PDB file of N, CA and C in Angstrom:
ATOM      1  N   MET A   1     -28.397  40.812 -46.109  1.00  0.00           N
ATOM      2  CA  MET A   1     -29.484  39.939 -45.454  1.00  0.00           C
ATOM      3  C   MET A   1     -28.550  38.928 -44.032  1.00  0.00           C
ATOM      4  N   ILE A   2     -29.679  39.531 -42.756  1.00  0.00           N
ATOM      5  CA  ILE A   2     -28.374  38.584 -41.998  1.00  0.00           C
ATOM      6  C   ILE A   2     -30.454  36.830 -41.887  1.00  0.00           C
ATOM      7  N   ARG A   3     -29.049  36.038 -42.241  1.00  0.00           N
ATOM      8  CA  ARG A   3     -29.757  34.599 -41.672  1.00  0.00           C
ATOM      9  C   ARG A   3     -30.105  34.300 -40.555  1.00  0.00           C
ATOM     10  N   GLN A   4     -31.233  34.725 -39.773  1.00  0.00           N
ATOM     11  CA  GLN A   4     -31.253  33.250 -38.138  1.00  0.00           C
ATOM     12  C   GLN A   4     -31.288  32.559 -37.744  1.00  0.00           C
ATOM     13  N   PRO A   5     -30.530  32.215 -36.733  1.00  0.00           N
ATOM     14  CA  PRO A   5     -30.346  31.241 -36.979  1.00  0.00           C
ATOM     15  C   PRO A   5     -31.786  29.491 -37.448  1.00  0.00           C
ATOM     16  N   GLN A   6     -31.678  28.301 -37.189  1.00  0.00           N
ATOM     17  CA  GLN A   6     -33.213  27.419 -37.413  1.00  0.00           C
ATOM     18  C   GLN A   6     -33.071  26.634 -36.267  1.00  0.00           C
ATOM     19  N   ALA A   7     -31.798  27.140 -35.922  1.00  0.00           N
ATOM     20  CA  ALA A   7     -32.312  25.427 -34.827  1.00  0.00           C
ATOM     21  C   ALA A   7     -31.287  25.952 -33.445  1.00  0.00           C
ATOM     22  N   ALA A   8     -31.542  26.879 -33.120  1.00  0.00           N
ATOM     23  CA  ALA A   8     -30.885  27.823 -31.568  1.00  0.00           C
ATOM     24  C   ALA A   8     -31.568  27.471 -30.598  1.00  0.00           C
ATOM     25  N   GLY A   9     -31.860  26.360 -29.127  1.00  0.00           N
ATOM     26  CA  GLY A   9     -32.485  26.785 -28.869  1.00  0.00           C
ATOM     27  C   GLY A   9     -33.454  24.446 -28.736  1.00  0.00           C
ATOM     28  N   GLN A  10     -32.970  23.769 -30.109  1.00  0.00           N
ATOM     29  CA  GLN A  10     -33.500  22.752 -29.949  1.00  0.00           C
ATOM     30  C   GLN A  10     -32.545  22.037 -30.550  1.00  0.00           C
ATOM     31  N   PHE A  11     -31.302  22.486 -32.245  1.00  0.00           N
ATOM     32  CA  PHE A  11     -29.990  22.002 -31.135  1.00  0.00           C
ATOM     33  C   PHE A  11     -28.733  21.457 -31.052  1.00  0.00           C
ATOM     34  N   TYR A  12     -29.198  22.800 -30.672  1.00  0.00           N
ATOM     35  CA  TYR A  12     -27.898  23.025 -29.583  1.00  0.00           C
ATOM     36  C   TYR A  12     -28.342  24.684 -29.309  1.00  0.00           C
ATOM     37  N   PRO A  13     -27.783  24.856 -28.161  1.00  0.00           N
ATOM     38  CA  PRO A  13     -28.459  25.840 -27.128  1.00  0.00           C
ATOM     39  C   PRO A  13     -28.105  27.205 -27.454  1.00  0.00           C
ATOM     40  N   ALA A  14     -29.345  28.418 -27.640  1.00  0.00           N
ATOM     41  CA  ALA A  14     -29.535  29.245 -27.872  1.00  0.00           C
ATOM     42  C   ALA A  14     -28.951  30.519 -27.004  1.00  0.00           C
ATOM     43  N   SER A  15     -28.792  30.024 -25.491  1.00  0.00           N
ATOM     44  CA  SER A  15     -28.066  30.975 -24.769  1.00  0.00           C
ATOM     45  C   SER A  15     -25.917  31.263 -25.218  1.00  0.00           C
ATOM     46  N   PRO A  16     -24.983  32.104 -25.149  1.00  0.00           N
ATOM     47  CA  PRO A  16     -24.261  31.700 -25.477  1.00  0.00           C
ATOM     48  C   PRO A  16     -23.405  31.101 -24.147  1.00  0.00           C
ATOM     49  N   ALA A  17     -23.520  31.206 -23.297  1.00  0.00           N
ATOM     50  CA  ALA A  17     -23.758  30.629 -21.623  1.00  0.00           C
ATOM     51  C   ALA A  17     -22.877  29.624 -21.923  1.00  0.00           C
ATOM     52  N   ALA A  18     -24.779  29.355 -22.052  1.00  0.00           N
ATOM     53  CA  ALA A  18     -25.119  27.723 -22.105  1.00  0.00           C
ATOM     54  C   ALA A  18     -24.696  26.445 -23.147  1.00  0.00           C
ATOM     55  N   LEU A  19     -24.389  27.371 -24.379  1.00  0.00           N
ATOM     56  CA  LEU A  19     -23.153  27.281 -25.205  1.00  0.00           C
ATOM     57  C   LEU A  19     -21.761  27.492 -25.473  1.00  0.00           C
ATOM     58  N   ARG A  20     -21.455  27.681 -24.814  1.00  0.00           N
ATOM     59  CA  ARG A  20     -20.036  27.597 -24.982  1.00  0.00           C
ATOM     60  C   ARG A  20     -19.398  26.435 -23.327  1.00  0.00           C
ATOM     61  N   LYS A  21     -20.485  26.907 -22.395  1.00  0.00           N
ATOM     62  CA  LYS A  21     -20.791  25.071 -21.633  1.00  0.00           C
ATOM     63  C   LYS A  21     -21.125  23.854 -22.919  1.00  0.00           C
ATOM     64  N   GLU A  22     -21.892  23.384 -23.118  1.00  0.00           N
ATOM     65  CA  GLU A  22     -22.022  22.711 -23.822  1.00  0.00           C
ATOM     66  C   GLU A  22     -20.690  22.248 -24.995  1.00  0.00           C
ATOM     67  N   LEU A  23     -19.774  23.334 -25.351  1.00  0.00           N
ATOM     68  CA  LEU A  23     -19.306  23.157 -26.076  1.00  0.00           C
ATOM     69  C   LEU A  23     -18.045  23.049 -25.283  1.00  0.00           C
ATOM     70  N   ALA A  24     -17.930  23.365 -24.386  1.00  0.00           N
ATOM     71  CA  ALA A  24     -16.502  23.088 -23.675  1.00  0.00           C
ATOM     72  C   ALA A  24     -16.434  21.176 -23.314  1.00  0.00           C
ATOM     73  N   ARG A  25     -18.034  20.616 -22.955  1.00  0.00           N
ATOM     74  CA  ARG A  25     -17.800  19.560 -22.144  1.00  0.00           C
ATOM     75  C   ARG A  25     -17.861  18.498 -23.582  1.00  0.00           C
ATOM     76  N   LEU A  26     -17.825  18.544 -25.376  1.00  0.00           N
ATOM     77  CA  LEU A  26     -17.583  17.863 -25.821  1.00  0.00           C
ATOM     78  C   LEU A  26     -16.692  17.942 -26.735  1.00  0.00           C
ATOM     79  N   LEU A  27     -15.627  18.804 -26.492  1.00  0.00           N
ATOM     80  CA  LEU A  27     -15.101  19.088 -27.384  1.00  0.00           C
ATOM     81  C   LEU A  27     -13.583  18.639 -26.379  1.00  0.00           C
ATOM     82  N   GLN A  28     -12.724  17.596 -26.715  1.00  0.00           N
ATOM     83  CA  GLN A  28     -11.771  16.845 -26.355  1.00  0.00           C
ATOM     84  C   GLN A  28     -10.505  18.213 -25.786  1.00  0.00           C
ATOM     85  N   LYS A  29     -10.105  18.322 -24.951  1.00  0.00           N
ATOM     86  CA  LYS A  29      -8.882  19.074 -24.883  1.00  0.00           C
ATOM     87  C   LYS A  29      -7.991  18.473 -25.322  1.00  0.00           C
ATOM     88  N   GLU A  30      -7.239  17.943 -25.375  1.00  0.00           N
ATOM     89  CA  GLU A  30      -6.226  17.124 -25.665  1.00  0.00           C
ATOM     90  C   GLU A  30      -6.524  15.906 -26.828  1.00  0.00           C
ATOM     91  N   GLY A  31      -4.121  15.765 -27.072  1.00  0.00           N
ATOM     92  CA  GLY A  31      -4.206  15.639 -28.351  1.00  0.00           C
ATOM     93  C   GLY A  31      -4.419  15.931 -29.094  1.00  0.00           C
ATOM     94  N   LYS A  32      -3.494  15.716 -30.379  1.00  0.00           N
ATOM     95  CA  LYS A  32      -2.903  16.133 -31.255  1.00  0.00           C
ATOM     96  C   LYS A  32      -3.915  16.526 -32.395  1.00  0.00           C
ATOM     97  N   ARG A  33      -4.179  17.765 -33.051  1.00  0.00           N
ATOM     98  CA  ARG A  33      -4.546  18.135 -33.767  1.00  0.00           C
ATOM     99  C   ARG A  33      -4.218  18.506 -35.495  1.00  0.00           C
ATOM    100  N   GLU A  34      -4.948  17.828 -36.104  1.00  0.00           N
ATOM    101  CA  GLU A  34      -3.479  17.180 -38.137  1.00  0.00           C
ATOM    102  C   GLU A  34      -4.721  18.598 -38.287  1.00  0.00           C
ATOM    103  N   GLU A  35      -4.029  19.381 -39.913  1.00  0.00           N
ATOM    104  CA  GLU A  35      -4.793  20.200 -40.458  1.00  0.00           C
ATOM    105  C   GLU A  35      -4.936  19.403 -41.237  1.00  0.00           C
ATOM    106  N   ALA A  36      -6.698  19.481 -41.796  1.00  0.00           N
ATOM    107  CA  ALA A  36      -7.996  18.207 -42.773  1.00  0.00           C
ATOM    108  C   ALA A  36      -8.335  19.036 -44.409  1.00  0.00           C
ATOM    109  N   LEU A  37      -8.547  18.917 -45.474  1.00  0.00           N
ATOM    110  CA  LEU A  37      -9.006  19.672 -46.249  1.00  0.00           C
ATOM    111  C   LEU A  37     -10.751  19.796 -45.905  1.00  0.00           C
ATOM    112  N   GLY A  38     -11.056  18.539 -45.687  1.00  0.00           N
ATOM    113  CA  GLY A  38     -12.140  17.560 -45.081  1.00  0.00           C
ATOM    114  C   GLY A  38     -13.064  17.429 -43.878  1.00  0.00           C
ATOM    115  N   LEU A  39     -14.324  17.459 -43.198  1.00  0.00           N
ATOM    116  CA  LEU A  39     -14.465  16.862 -42.062  1.00  0.00           C
ATOM    117  C   LEU A  39     -15.620  16.376 -43.098  1.00  0.00           C
ATOM    118  N   VAL A  40     -16.071  15.291 -42.355  1.00  0.00           N
ATOM    119  CA  VAL A  40     -17.910  14.864 -42.660  1.00  0.00           C
ATOM    120  C   VAL A  40     -17.797  14.967 -40.855  1.00  0.00           C
ATOM    121  N   THR A  41     -18.673  14.908 -40.792  1.00  0.00           N
ATOM    122  CA  THR A  41     -19.238  14.797 -39.292  1.00  0.00           C
ATOM    123  C   THR A  41     -21.073  15.319 -38.993  1.00  0.00           C
ATOM    124  N   PRO A  42     -21.986  14.228 -37.723  1.00  0.00           N
ATOM    125  CA  PRO A  42     -23.399  14.133 -38.264  1.00  0.00           C
ATOM    126  C   PRO A  42     -23.952  15.656 -38.342  1.00  0.00           C
ATOM    127  N   HIS A  43     -24.843  15.442 -38.028  1.00  0.00           N
ATOM    128  CA  HIS A  43     -25.406  16.130 -38.959  1.00  0.00           C
ATOM    129  C   HIS A  43     -27.351  15.764 -37.266  1.00  0.00           C
ATOM    130  N   ALA A  44     -26.615  16.420 -36.592  1.00  0.00           N
ATOM    131  CA  ALA A  44     -27.898  15.613 -35.463  1.00  0.00           C
ATOM    132  C   ALA A  44     -28.388  17.002 -34.449  1.00  0.00           C
ATOM    133  N   GLY A  45     -28.748  16.845 -33.395  1.00  0.00           N
ATOM    134  CA  GLY A  45     -28.918  18.095 -31.684  1.00  0.00           C
ATOM    135  C   GLY A  45     -28.382  16.880 -31.272  1.00  0.00           C
ATOM    136  N   TYR A  46     -27.496  18.412 -30.219  1.00  0.00           N
ATOM    137  CA  TYR A  46     -26.197  17.580 -30.167  1.00  0.00           C
ATOM    138  C   TYR A  46     -26.409  16.440 -29.406  1.00  0.00           C
ATOM    139  N   THR A  47     -27.946  16.121 -28.896  1.00  0.00           N
ATOM    140  CA  THR A  47     -27.793  15.554 -27.837  1.00  0.00           C
ATOM    141  C   THR A  47     -27.847  13.652 -28.962  1.00  0.00           C
ATOM    142  N   PHE A  48     -28.625  14.161 -29.460  1.00  0.00           N
ATOM    143  CA  PHE A  48     -28.188  13.254 -30.198  1.00  0.00           C
ATOM    144  C   PHE A  48     -26.793  12.466 -31.264  1.00  0.00           C
ATOM    145  N   SER A  49     -25.610  13.742 -31.397  1.00  0.00           N
ATOM    146  CA  SER A  49     -24.644  13.247 -32.351  1.00  0.00           C
ATOM    147  C   SER A  49     -23.330  14.338 -31.310  1.00  0.00           C
ATOM    148  N   GLY A  50     -23.568  14.931 -31.218  1.00  0.00           N
ATOM    149  CA  GLY A  50     -22.760  15.696 -30.227  1.00  0.00           C
ATOM    150  C   GLY A  50     -21.521  15.571 -29.164  1.00  0.00           C
ATOM    151  N   LYS A  51     -20.977  13.949 -29.207  1.00  0.00           N
ATOM    152  CA  LYS A  51     -20.165  12.700 -28.830  1.00  0.00           C
ATOM    153  C   LYS A  51     -19.172  12.654 -30.481  1.00  0.00           C
ATOM    154  N   VAL A  52     -20.151  12.357 -31.052  1.00  0.00           N
ATOM    155  CA  VAL A  52     -19.636  12.340 -32.197  1.00  0.00           C
ATOM    156  C   VAL A  52     -18.167  13.669 -32.554  1.00  0.00           C
ATOM    157  N   ALA A  53     -19.785  14.888 -33.247  1.00  0.00           N
ATOM    158  CA  ALA A  53     -18.941  15.382 -34.190  1.00  0.00           C
ATOM    159  C   ALA A  53     -17.633  16.430 -32.553  1.00  0.00           C
ATOM    160  N   GLY A  54     -17.732  16.615 -31.625  1.00  0.00           N
ATOM    161  CA  GLY A  54     -17.586  16.552 -30.881  1.00  0.00           C
ATOM    162  C   GLY A  54     -15.942  16.266 -30.976  1.00  0.00           C
ATOM    163  N   ALA A  55     -15.478  14.788 -31.153  1.00  0.00           N
ATOM    164  CA  ALA A  55     -14.700  14.064 -31.367  1.00  0.00           C
ATOM    165  C   ALA A  55     -14.180  14.387 -32.732  1.00  0.00           C
ATOM    166  N   CYS A  56     -14.743  14.461 -33.607  1.00  0.00           N
ATOM    167  CA  CYS A  56     -13.920  14.649 -34.861  1.00  0.00           C
ATOM    168  C   CYS A  56     -13.686  16.585 -35.085  1.00  0.00           C
ATOM    169  N   PHE A  57     -14.583  17.514 -34.927  1.00  0.00           N
ATOM    170  CA  PHE A  57     -13.778  18.632 -34.243  1.00  0.00           C
ATOM    171  C   PHE A  57     -12.743  18.933 -33.271  1.00  0.00           C
ATOM    172  N   SER A  58     -12.563  17.644 -32.265  1.00  0.00           N
ATOM    173  CA  SER A  58     -11.365  18.184 -31.784  1.00  0.00           C
ATOM    174  C   SER A  58      -9.901  17.417 -32.142  1.00  0.00           C
ATOM    175  N   LYS A  59      -9.757  16.416 -33.555  1.00  0.00           N
ATOM    176  CA  LYS A  59      -9.194  15.829 -34.058  1.00  0.00           C
ATOM    177  C   LYS A  59      -8.821  16.759 -35.459  1.00  0.00           C
ATOM    178  N   VAL A  60      -9.414  18.388 -35.565  1.00  0.00           N
ATOM    179  CA  VAL A  60      -8.824  18.942 -36.783  1.00  0.00           C
ATOM    180  C   VAL A  60      -8.384  20.236 -36.258  1.00  0.00           C
ATOM    181  N   LYS A  61      -7.153  21.521 -36.541  1.00  0.00           N
ATOM    182  CA  LYS A  61      -7.078  23.057 -36.724  1.00  0.00           C
ATOM    183  C   LYS A  61      -8.037  23.022 -38.254  1.00  0.00           C
ATOM    184  N   LEU A  62      -8.639  24.608 -37.653  1.00  0.00           N
ATOM    185  CA  LEU A  62     -10.138  25.287 -38.445  1.00  0.00           C
ATOM    186  C   LEU A  62      -8.552  26.614 -39.029  1.00  0.00           C
ATOM    187  N   THR A  63      -8.928  26.172 -39.981  1.00  0.00           N
ATOM    188  CA  THR A  63      -8.143  27.362 -40.449  1.00  0.00           C
ATOM    189  C   THR A  63      -8.567  28.093 -42.545  1.00  0.00           C
ATOM    190  N   GLY A  64      -8.815  29.526 -42.067  1.00  0.00           N
ATOM    191  CA  GLY A  64      -8.897  29.691 -43.704  1.00  0.00           C
ATOM    192  C   GLY A  64     -10.691  29.604 -43.418  1.00  0.00           C
ATOM    193  N   THR A  65     -10.643  29.659 -44.188  1.00  0.00           N
ATOM    194  CA  THR A  65     -12.272  29.446 -45.112  1.00  0.00           C
ATOM    195  C   THR A  65     -13.280  28.087 -44.789  1.00  0.00           C
ATOM    196  N   VAL A  66     -14.258  28.222 -43.674  1.00  0.00           N
ATOM    197  CA  VAL A  66     -14.838  27.011 -43.684  1.00  0.00           C
ATOM    198  C   VAL A  66     -16.130  26.789 -44.399  1.00  0.00           C
ATOM    199  N   ILE A  67     -16.653  25.864 -45.464  1.00  0.00           N
ATOM    200  CA  ILE A  67     -17.292  25.767 -46.498  1.00  0.00           C
ATOM    201  C   ILE A  67     -18.235  24.680 -45.314  1.00  0.00           C
ATOM    202  N   ILE A  68     -20.096  25.530 -45.239  1.00  0.00           N
ATOM    203  CA  ILE A  68     -20.554  24.157 -45.293  1.00  0.00           C
ATOM    204  C   ILE A  68     -21.906  23.228 -45.087  1.00  0.00           C
ATOM    205  N   LEU A  69     -21.767  22.367 -46.022  1.00  0.00           N
ATOM    206  CA  LEU A  69     -23.322  21.787 -46.371  1.00  0.00           C
ATOM    207  C   LEU A  69     -23.937  21.245 -45.088  1.00  0.00           C
ATOM    208  N   GLY A  70     -25.524  21.435 -45.955  1.00  0.00           N
ATOM    209  CA  GLY A  70     -26.496  20.993 -45.138  1.00  0.00           C
ATOM    210  C   GLY A  70     -27.518  20.556 -45.853  1.00  0.00           C
ATOM    211  N   PRO A  71     -28.816  20.330 -45.701  1.00  0.00           N
ATOM    212  CA  PRO A  71     -30.196  19.507 -46.215  1.00  0.00           C
ATOM    213  C   PRO A  71     -31.023  21.148 -45.809  1.00  0.00           C
ATOM    214  N   ASN A  72     -31.182  20.696 -47.390  1.00  0.00           N
ATOM    215  CA  ASN A  72     -32.496  21.138 -47.266  1.00  0.00           C
ATOM    216  C   ASN A  72     -33.458  20.908 -46.036  1.00  0.00           C
ATOM    217  N   HIS A  73     -34.070  21.028 -44.901  1.00  0.00           N
ATOM    218  CA  HIS A  73     -35.004  20.404 -43.985  1.00  0.00           C
ATOM    219  C   HIS A  73     -37.343  20.809 -44.681  1.00  0.00           C
ATOM    220  N   THR A  74     -36.362  21.733 -45.803  1.00  0.00           N
ATOM    221  CA  THR A  74     -38.368  22.408 -45.813  1.00  0.00           C
ATOM    222  C   THR A  74     -38.095  21.990 -46.655  1.00  0.00           C
ATOM    223  N   GLY A  75     -37.581  21.516 -47.720  1.00  0.00           N
ATOM    224  CA  GLY A  75     -38.075  20.961 -48.753  1.00  0.00           C
ATOM    225  C   GLY A  75     -38.533  21.956 -49.956  1.00  0.00           C
ATOM    226  N   LEU A  76     -38.600  23.183 -49.515  1.00  0.00           N
ATOM    227  CA  LEU A  76     -39.592  23.884 -50.257  1.00  0.00           C
ATOM    228  C   LEU A  76     -38.687  24.890 -50.916  1.00  0.00           C
ATOM    229  N   GLY A  77     -37.974  25.729 -52.262  1.00  0.00           N
ATOM    230  CA  GLY A  77     -37.078  25.857 -53.079  1.00  0.00           C
ATOM    231  C   GLY A  77     -36.533  25.491 -53.998  1.00  0.00           C
ATOM    232  N   ALA A  78     -35.097  25.581 -54.116  1.00  0.00           N
ATOM    233  CA  ALA A  78     -33.708  24.338 -54.993  1.00  0.00           C
ATOM    234  C   ALA A  78     -33.373  24.058 -53.926  1.00  0.00           C
ATOM    235  N   PRO A  79     -32.910  22.672 -54.623  1.00  0.00           N
ATOM    236  CA  PRO A  79     -33.071  21.563 -53.196  1.00  0.00           C
ATOM    237  C   PRO A  79     -31.272  21.771 -52.886  1.00  0.00           C
ATOM    238  N   PHE A  80     -30.386  22.712 -53.970  1.00  0.00           N
ATOM    239  CA  PHE A  80     -29.009  23.334 -53.551  1.00  0.00           C
ATOM    240  C   PHE A  80     -29.562  24.524 -53.834  1.00  0.00           C
ATOM    241  N   SER A  81     -28.379  25.681 -52.644  1.00  0.00           N
ATOM    242  CA  SER A  81     -28.408  26.659 -53.221  1.00  0.00           C
ATOM    243  C   SER A  81     -26.954  27.646 -52.812  1.00  0.00           C
ATOM    244  N   ILE A  82     -26.697  28.459 -52.662  1.00  0.00           N
ATOM    245  CA  ILE A  82     -26.016  29.283 -51.975  1.00  0.00           C
ATOM    246  C   ILE A  82     -25.729  30.839 -51.430  1.00  0.00           C
ATOM    247  N   MET A  83     -25.560  30.770 -50.723  1.00  0.00           N
ATOM    248  CA  MET A  83     -25.630  32.619 -49.552  1.00  0.00           C
ATOM    249  C   MET A  83     -24.840  33.022 -50.307  1.00  0.00           C
ATOM    250  N   THR A  84     -24.426  33.629 -51.126  1.00  0.00           N
ATOM    251  CA  THR A  84     -24.057  34.517 -52.498  1.00  0.00           C
ATOM    252  C   THR A  84     -23.285  35.932 -51.395  1.00  0.00           C
ATOM    253  N   SER A  85     -23.958  36.791 -50.453  1.00  0.00           N
ATOM    254  CA  SER A  85     -24.146  38.008 -49.533  1.00  0.00           C
ATOM    255  C   SER A  85     -24.789  37.813 -48.403  1.00  0.00           C
ATOM    256  N   GLY A  86     -23.969  38.794 -47.411  1.00  0.00           N
ATOM    257  CA  GLY A  86     -24.813  38.734 -45.585  1.00  0.00           C
ATOM    258  C   GLY A  86     -24.357  37.978 -44.526  1.00  0.00           C
ATOM    259  N   THR A  87     -25.556  38.333 -43.909  1.00  0.00           N
ATOM    260  CA  THR A  87     -24.675  37.571 -42.776  1.00  0.00           C
ATOM    261  C   THR A  87     -24.754  35.583 -42.145  1.00  0.00           C
ATOM    262  N   TRP A  88     -24.223  35.098 -41.662  1.00  0.00           N
ATOM    263  CA  TRP A  88     -25.098  34.124 -40.036  1.00  0.00           C
ATOM    264  C   TRP A  88     -25.222  34.274 -39.056  1.00  0.00           C
ATOM    265  N   GLN A  89     -26.277  34.804 -38.378  1.00  0.00           N
ATOM    266  CA  GLN A  89     -26.153  34.617 -37.410  1.00  0.00           C
ATOM    267  C   GLN A  89     -26.534  33.611 -36.675  1.00  0.00           C
ATOM    268  N   MET A  90     -25.340  33.592 -35.021  1.00  0.00           N
ATOM    269  CA  MET A  90     -25.122  32.349 -34.170  1.00  0.00           C
ATOM    270  C   MET A  90     -25.109  32.986 -32.809  1.00  0.00           C
ATOM    271  N   PRO A  91     -25.588  31.224 -32.280  1.00  0.00           N
ATOM    272  CA  PRO A  91     -24.818  32.652 -30.715  1.00  0.00           C
ATOM    273  C   PRO A  91     -23.748  32.993 -29.994  1.00  0.00           C
ATOM    274  N   LEU A  92     -22.679  32.384 -30.817  1.00  0.00           N
ATOM    275  CA  LEU A  92     -21.510  32.732 -30.185  1.00  0.00           C
ATOM    276  C   LEU A  92     -20.752  33.815 -31.483  1.00  0.00           C
ATOM    277  N   GLY A  93     -21.934  34.379 -31.879  1.00  0.00           N
ATOM    278  CA  GLY A  93     -21.263  35.493 -32.756  1.00  0.00           C
ATOM    279  C   GLY A  93     -22.297  35.959 -34.234  1.00  0.00           C
ATOM    280  N   ASN A  94     -21.831  36.977 -35.234  1.00  0.00           N
ATOM    281  CA  ASN A  94     -21.967  36.928 -36.626  1.00  0.00           C
ATOM    282  C   ASN A  94     -21.138  36.294 -37.321  1.00  0.00           C
ATOM    283  N   VAL A  95     -21.109  35.377 -37.818  1.00  0.00           N
ATOM    284  CA  VAL A  95     -19.962  35.423 -39.557  1.00  0.00           C
ATOM    285  C   VAL A  95     -20.663  35.708 -40.697  1.00  0.00           C
ATOM    286  N   GLU A  96     -19.718  35.604 -41.310  1.00  0.00           N
ATOM    287  CA  GLU A  96     -19.966  36.897 -42.507  1.00  0.00           C
ATOM    288  C   GLU A  96     -19.578  35.766 -44.002  1.00  0.00           C
ATOM    289  N   VAL A  97     -20.540  36.090 -44.764  1.00  0.00           N
ATOM    290  CA  VAL A  97     -20.458  34.746 -45.752  1.00  0.00           C
ATOM    291  C   VAL A  97     -19.280  34.964 -46.536  1.00  0.00           C
ATOM    292  N   ASP A  98     -18.452  35.126 -47.145  1.00  0.00           N
ATOM    293  CA  ASP A  98     -17.133  34.586 -48.661  1.00  0.00           C
ATOM    294  C   ASP A  98     -17.779  34.798 -49.488  1.00  0.00           C
ATOM    295  N   VAL A  99     -17.512  36.606 -50.014  1.00  0.00           N
ATOM    296  CA  VAL A  99     -18.632  36.954 -50.874  1.00  0.00           C
ATOM    297  C   VAL A  99     -17.556  36.400 -52.386  1.00  0.00           C
ATOM    298  N   PHE A 100     -16.280  35.790 -52.072  1.00  0.00           N
ATOM    299  CA  PHE A 100     -15.558  35.805 -53.374  1.00  0.00           C
ATOM    300  C   PHE A 100     -15.744  34.233 -53.621  1.00  0.00           C
ATOM    301  N   LEU A 101     -15.462  34.365 -53.083  1.00  0.00           N
ATOM    302  CA  LEU A 101     -15.922  32.348 -52.700  1.00  0.00           C
ATOM    303  C   LEU A 101     -17.488  31.889 -53.026  1.00  0.00           C
ATOM    304  N   ALA A 102     -18.075  32.862 -52.738  1.00  0.00           N
ATOM    305  CA  ALA A 102     -19.595  32.390 -52.571  1.00  0.00           C
ATOM    306  C   ALA A 102     -20.380  32.562 -54.330  1.00  0.00           C
ATOM    307  N   LYS A 103     -18.844  33.802 -54.764  1.00  0.00           N
ATOM    308  CA  LYS A 103     -19.693  34.521 -56.099  1.00  0.00           C
ATOM    309  C   LYS A 103     -19.020  33.339 -56.772  1.00  0.00           C
ATOM    310  N   ASN A 104     -17.759  32.219 -56.767  1.00  0.00           N
ATOM    311  CA  ASN A 104     -17.110  31.741 -57.377  1.00  0.00           C
ATOM    312  C   ASN A 104     -16.744  30.786 -57.419  1.00  0.00           C
ATOM    313  N   SER A 105     -17.836  29.696 -56.870  1.00  0.00           N
ATOM    314  CA  SER A 105     -17.905  28.145 -56.506  1.00  0.00           C
ATOM    315  C   SER A 105     -18.319  27.568 -58.068  1.00  0.00           C
TER     316      SER A 105
END
């Protein structure tokens, strides 16, 4: 299964080139990056939360598997779920689900 992006072109640019440009503007290039076990960032369009999210992600080293939690915006189906296999299609490339982690959570 390939999960299509739901907010591309709304919360963030759908075009890879435009998204790279926006991320370059939001992410801080200087400063120390630290290893972290978790990170809480805002969940909104880049217009509203991009500066804060960019500052947060600029402070950490991302290594290994990343777990992303988000809300059920539609209210349909289960309130909580885990995609146990497949791919998340994103403007900057596809991201495979960590099947072992998803099925053993």
